[in-house]
Amino acid sequence: MTKPLEPWPLPPPIMTEPLEPWQRRLVEEADDVMNRTKKLEAFIHGEIFDTLPEDEKGRLLIQINLMLALTIVLAQRMKAFGVEV
């Protein structure tokens, strides 16, 4: 399966200037997505997942991969405006 996710939320972001409102929303979205991703990851590694039909397992694996991709994009966007993640 996939490597377990790093703990989230991350330490306070390192910034050189105050965040604009849209930047704060982006940081909040990243935190929310990562928390939901960790919950889904825990479910996938749990006992119930193994009892699901194969097609549903496949959909959940696609979902977690998409969520992980979203966290990467959000982290790149934050880094672009000076938030080190």
N, C-alpha and C. Protein backbone atom coordinates (compact mmCIF):
# COMPACT_ATOMS: atom_id res chain seq x y z
N MET A 1 0.84 -1.18 0.00
CA MET A 1 0.00 0.00 0.00
C MET A 1 0.88 1.24 0.00
N THR A 2 0.33 2.35 0.33
CA THR A 2 1.08 3.60 0.32
C THR A 2 1.78 3.81 1.66
N LYS A 3 2.82 4.63 1.63
CA LYS A 3 3.53 5.00 2.85
C LYS A 3 2.60 5.85 3.71
N PRO A 4 2.59 5.65 5.03
CA PRO A 4 1.74 6.48 5.89
C PRO A 4 2.07 7.96 5.72
N LEU A 5 1.05 8.78 5.86
CA LEU A 5 1.23 10.22 5.70
C LEU A 5 1.95 10.82 6.91
N GLU A 6 2.62 11.91 6.65
CA GLU A 6 3.28 12.63 7.73
C GLU A 6 2.22 13.26 8.64
N PRO A 7 2.58 13.51 9.89
CA PRO A 7 1.61 14.14 10.80
C PRO A 7 1.14 15.49 10.26
N TRP A 8 -0.10 15.78 10.48
CA TRP A 8 -0.69 17.05 10.06
C TRP A 8 -1.55 17.52 11.19
N PRO A 9 -1.68 18.73 11.52
CA PRO A 9 -1.12 19.84 10.77
C PRO A 9 0.38 19.94 10.97
N LEU A 10 1.00 20.56 10.00
CA LEU A 10 2.43 20.79 10.08
C LEU A 10 2.72 21.85 11.13
N PRO A 11 3.99 21.99 11.52
CA PRO A 11 4.32 23.09 12.42
C PRO A 11 3.88 24.41 11.81
N PRO A 12 3.79 25.46 12.60
CA PRO A 12 3.33 26.74 12.04
C PRO A 12 4.14 27.09 10.80
N PRO A 13 3.46 27.59 9.76
CA PRO A 13 4.16 27.89 8.52
C PRO A 13 5.23 28.95 8.72
N ILE A 14 6.30 28.82 7.95
CA ILE A 14 7.37 29.80 7.99
C ILE A 14 7.09 30.80 6.88
N MET A 15 6.85 32.05 7.26
CA MET A 15 6.51 33.08 6.28
C MET A 15 7.33 34.33 6.56
N THR A 16 7.54 35.08 5.49
CA THR A 16 8.25 36.34 5.65
C THR A 16 7.30 37.51 5.74
N GLU A 17 6.07 37.35 5.25
CA GLU A 17 5.08 38.43 5.26
C GLU A 17 3.73 37.86 5.69
N PRO A 18 2.84 38.74 6.19
CA PRO A 18 1.50 38.26 6.56
C PRO A 18 0.77 37.68 5.35
N LEU A 19 -0.12 36.74 5.62
CA LEU A 19 -0.88 36.10 4.54
C LEU A 19 -2.07 36.95 4.13
N GLU A 20 -2.33 36.92 2.83
CA GLU A 20 -3.54 37.53 2.29
C GLU A 20 -4.71 36.60 2.63
N PRO A 21 -5.96 37.10 2.60
CA PRO A 21 -7.10 36.23 2.91
C PRO A 21 -7.14 34.96 2.05
N TRP A 22 -6.87 35.07 0.75
CA TRP A 22 -6.92 33.89 -0.12
C TRP A 22 -5.83 32.90 0.26
N GLN A 23 -4.70 33.40 0.75
CA GLN A 23 -3.62 32.52 1.16
C GLN A 23 -3.99 31.77 2.44
N ARG A 24 -4.65 32.46 3.36
CA ARG A 24 -5.13 31.79 4.58
C ARG A 24 -6.13 30.70 4.23
N ARG A 25 -7.02 30.99 3.28
CA ARG A 25 -8.00 29.98 2.86
C ARG A 25 -7.30 28.77 2.25
N LEU A 26 -6.26 29.00 1.50
CA LEU A 26 -5.50 27.91 0.90
C LEU A 26 -4.86 27.04 1.97
N VAL A 27 -4.26 27.66 2.98
CA VAL A 27 -3.65 26.91 4.08
C VAL A 27 -4.72 26.10 4.82
N GLU A 28 -5.88 26.71 5.06
CA GLU A 28 -6.98 26.00 5.73
C GLU A 28 -7.47 24.83 4.88
N GLU A 29 -7.58 25.04 3.56
CA GLU A 29 -8.01 23.96 2.67
C GLU A 29 -7.01 22.80 2.69
N ALA A 30 -5.72 23.13 2.66
CA ALA A 30 -4.70 22.09 2.70
C ALA A 30 -4.80 21.28 3.99
N ASP A 31 -5.02 21.97 5.10
CA ASP A 31 -5.16 21.29 6.38
C ASP A 31 -6.38 20.36 6.37
N ASP A 32 -7.49 20.86 5.83
CA ASP A 32 -8.72 20.06 5.76
C ASP A 32 -8.54 18.83 4.87
N VAL A 33 -7.94 19.03 3.71
CA VAL A 33 -7.74 17.91 2.78
C VAL A 33 -6.83 16.86 3.40
N MET A 34 -5.77 17.31 4.05
CA MET A 34 -4.84 16.35 4.66
C MET A 34 -5.52 15.57 5.79
N ASN A 35 -6.32 16.24 6.59
CA ASN A 35 -7.03 15.54 7.67
C ASN A 35 -8.00 14.50 7.11
N ARG A 36 -8.73 14.85 6.04
CA ARG A 36 -9.65 13.89 5.42
C ARG A 36 -8.88 12.74 4.78
N THR A 37 -7.72 13.05 4.21
CA THR A 37 -6.90 12.02 3.59
C THR A 37 -6.40 11.03 4.63
N LYS A 38 -5.98 11.54 5.78
CA LYS A 38 -5.50 10.66 6.86
C LYS A 38 -6.63 9.74 7.35
N LYS A 39 -7.86 10.27 7.43
CA LYS A 39 -8.99 9.43 7.85
C LYS A 39 -9.27 8.33 6.83
N LEU A 40 -9.22 8.69 5.55
CA LEU A 40 -9.44 7.68 4.53
C LEU A 40 -8.32 6.65 4.53
N GLU A 41 -7.09 7.11 4.73
CA GLU A 41 -5.96 6.18 4.79
C GLU A 41 -6.15 5.20 5.95
N ALA A 42 -6.58 5.69 7.10
CA ALA A 42 -6.81 4.81 8.25
C ALA A 42 -7.89 3.79 7.91
N PHE A 43 -8.93 4.22 7.22
CA PHE A 43 -10.00 3.30 6.84
C PHE A 43 -9.47 2.23 5.89
N ILE A 44 -8.65 2.64 4.92
CA ILE A 44 -8.12 1.69 3.94
C ILE A 44 -7.22 0.66 4.62
N HIS A 45 -6.55 1.04 5.67
CA HIS A 45 -5.67 0.10 6.38
C HIS A 45 -6.41 -0.66 7.49
N GLY A 46 -7.71 -0.39 7.62
CA GLY A 46 -8.50 -1.06 8.65
C GLY A 46 -9.13 -2.35 8.18
N GLU A 47 -9.83 -3.00 9.09
CA GLU A 47 -10.43 -4.30 8.81
C GLU A 47 -11.63 -4.23 7.87
N ILE A 48 -12.43 -3.18 7.96
CA ILE A 48 -13.65 -3.10 7.15
C ILE A 48 -13.31 -3.04 5.66
N PHE A 49 -12.23 -2.35 5.32
CA PHE A 49 -11.86 -2.20 3.91
C PHE A 49 -11.75 -3.57 3.23
N ASP A 50 -11.16 -4.53 3.91
CA ASP A 50 -10.98 -5.86 3.33
C ASP A 50 -12.30 -6.58 3.03
N THR A 51 -13.37 -6.16 3.67
CA THR A 51 -14.67 -6.81 3.46
C THR A 51 -15.45 -6.20 2.31
N LEU A 52 -14.98 -5.09 1.76
CA LEU A 52 -15.71 -4.40 0.70
C LEU A 52 -15.55 -5.12 -0.63
N PRO A 53 -16.53 -4.92 -1.53
CA PRO A 53 -16.38 -5.47 -2.88
C PRO A 53 -15.16 -4.85 -3.57
N GLU A 54 -14.56 -5.61 -4.47
CA GLU A 54 -13.34 -5.16 -5.14
C GLU A 54 -13.53 -3.84 -5.89
N ASP A 55 -14.69 -3.65 -6.52
CA ASP A 55 -14.89 -2.40 -7.25
C ASP A 55 -14.92 -1.19 -6.31
N GLU A 56 -15.49 -1.37 -5.12
CA GLU A 56 -15.50 -0.26 -4.15
C GLU A 56 -14.10 -0.01 -3.61
N LYS A 57 -13.34 -1.06 -3.36
CA LYS A 57 -11.94 -0.88 -2.93
C LYS A 57 -11.18 -0.07 -3.98
N GLY A 58 -11.39 -0.42 -5.23
CA GLY A 58 -10.72 0.29 -6.32
C GLY A 58 -11.06 1.77 -6.34
N ARG A 59 -12.35 2.08 -6.15
CA ARG A 59 -12.76 3.48 -6.13
C ARG A 59 -12.13 4.23 -4.96
N LEU A 60 -12.06 3.60 -3.80
CA LEU A 60 -11.44 4.25 -2.65
C LEU A 60 -9.94 4.46 -2.86
N LEU A 61 -9.29 3.54 -3.52
CA LEU A 61 -7.86 3.71 -3.81
C LEU A 61 -7.64 4.84 -4.81
N ILE A 62 -8.52 4.94 -5.79
CA ILE A 62 -8.44 6.07 -6.72
C ILE A 62 -8.66 7.37 -5.96
N GLN A 63 -9.66 7.39 -5.07
CA GLN A 63 -9.97 8.59 -4.30
C GLN A 63 -8.77 9.04 -3.46
N ILE A 64 -8.13 8.11 -2.75
CA ILE A 64 -7.02 8.53 -1.90
C ILE A 64 -5.85 9.04 -2.74
N ASN A 65 -5.63 8.43 -3.90
CA ASN A 65 -4.55 8.91 -4.76
C ASN A 65 -4.84 10.32 -5.27
N LEU A 66 -6.08 10.60 -5.61
CA LEU A 66 -6.45 11.95 -6.03
C LEU A 66 -6.30 12.94 -4.88
N MET A 67 -6.69 12.53 -3.68
CA MET A 67 -6.56 13.41 -2.53
C MET A 67 -5.08 13.69 -2.22
N LEU A 68 -4.23 12.68 -2.35
CA LEU A 68 -2.81 12.89 -2.15
C LEU A 68 -2.24 13.83 -3.20
N ALA A 69 -2.69 13.69 -4.44
CA ALA A 69 -2.24 14.60 -5.49
C ALA A 69 -2.67 16.03 -5.18
N LEU A 70 -3.88 16.20 -4.66
CA LEU A 70 -4.35 17.54 -4.30
C LEU A 70 -3.50 18.13 -3.18
N THR A 71 -3.11 17.34 -2.20
CA THR A 71 -2.27 17.87 -1.12
C THR A 71 -0.92 18.32 -1.66
N ILE A 72 -0.40 17.62 -2.66
CA ILE A 72 0.88 18.01 -3.26
C ILE A 72 0.74 19.36 -3.97
N VAL A 73 -0.34 19.51 -4.75
CA VAL A 73 -0.56 20.77 -5.47
C VAL A 73 -0.75 21.92 -4.49
N LEU A 74 -1.54 21.70 -3.45
CA LEU A 74 -1.77 22.76 -2.46
C LEU A 74 -0.46 23.14 -1.77
N ALA A 75 0.37 22.15 -1.45
CA ALA A 75 1.67 22.44 -0.83
C ALA A 75 2.56 23.24 -1.77
N GLN A 76 2.54 22.90 -3.06
CA GLN A 76 3.33 23.66 -4.04
C GLN A 76 2.85 25.10 -4.14
N ARG A 77 1.54 25.28 -4.11
CA ARG A 77 0.99 26.64 -4.17
C ARG A 77 1.39 27.43 -2.94
N MET A 78 1.33 26.80 -1.76
CA MET A 78 1.72 27.50 -0.54
C MET A 78 3.20 27.86 -0.57
N LYS A 79 4.01 26.95 -1.03
CA LYS A 79 5.44 27.20 -1.11
C LYS A 79 5.73 28.36 -2.05
N ALA A 80 4.95 28.48 -3.13
CA ALA A 80 5.14 29.55 -4.10
C ALA A 80 4.95 30.94 -3.48
N PHE A 81 4.11 31.04 -2.45
CA PHE A 81 3.95 32.35 -1.81
C PHE A 81 4.63 32.43 -0.46
N GLY A 82 5.57 31.54 -0.22
CA GLY A 82 6.44 31.68 0.93
C GLY A 82 6.10 30.88 2.16
N VAL A 83 5.13 29.98 2.07
CA VAL A 83 4.82 29.10 3.21
C VAL A 83 5.61 27.82 3.00
N GLU A 84 6.57 27.59 3.85
CA GLU A 84 7.36 26.34 3.76
C GLU A 84 6.58 25.22 4.41
N VAL A 85 6.38 24.15 3.65
CA VAL A 85 5.63 23.00 4.19
C VAL A 85 6.51 21.77 4.21
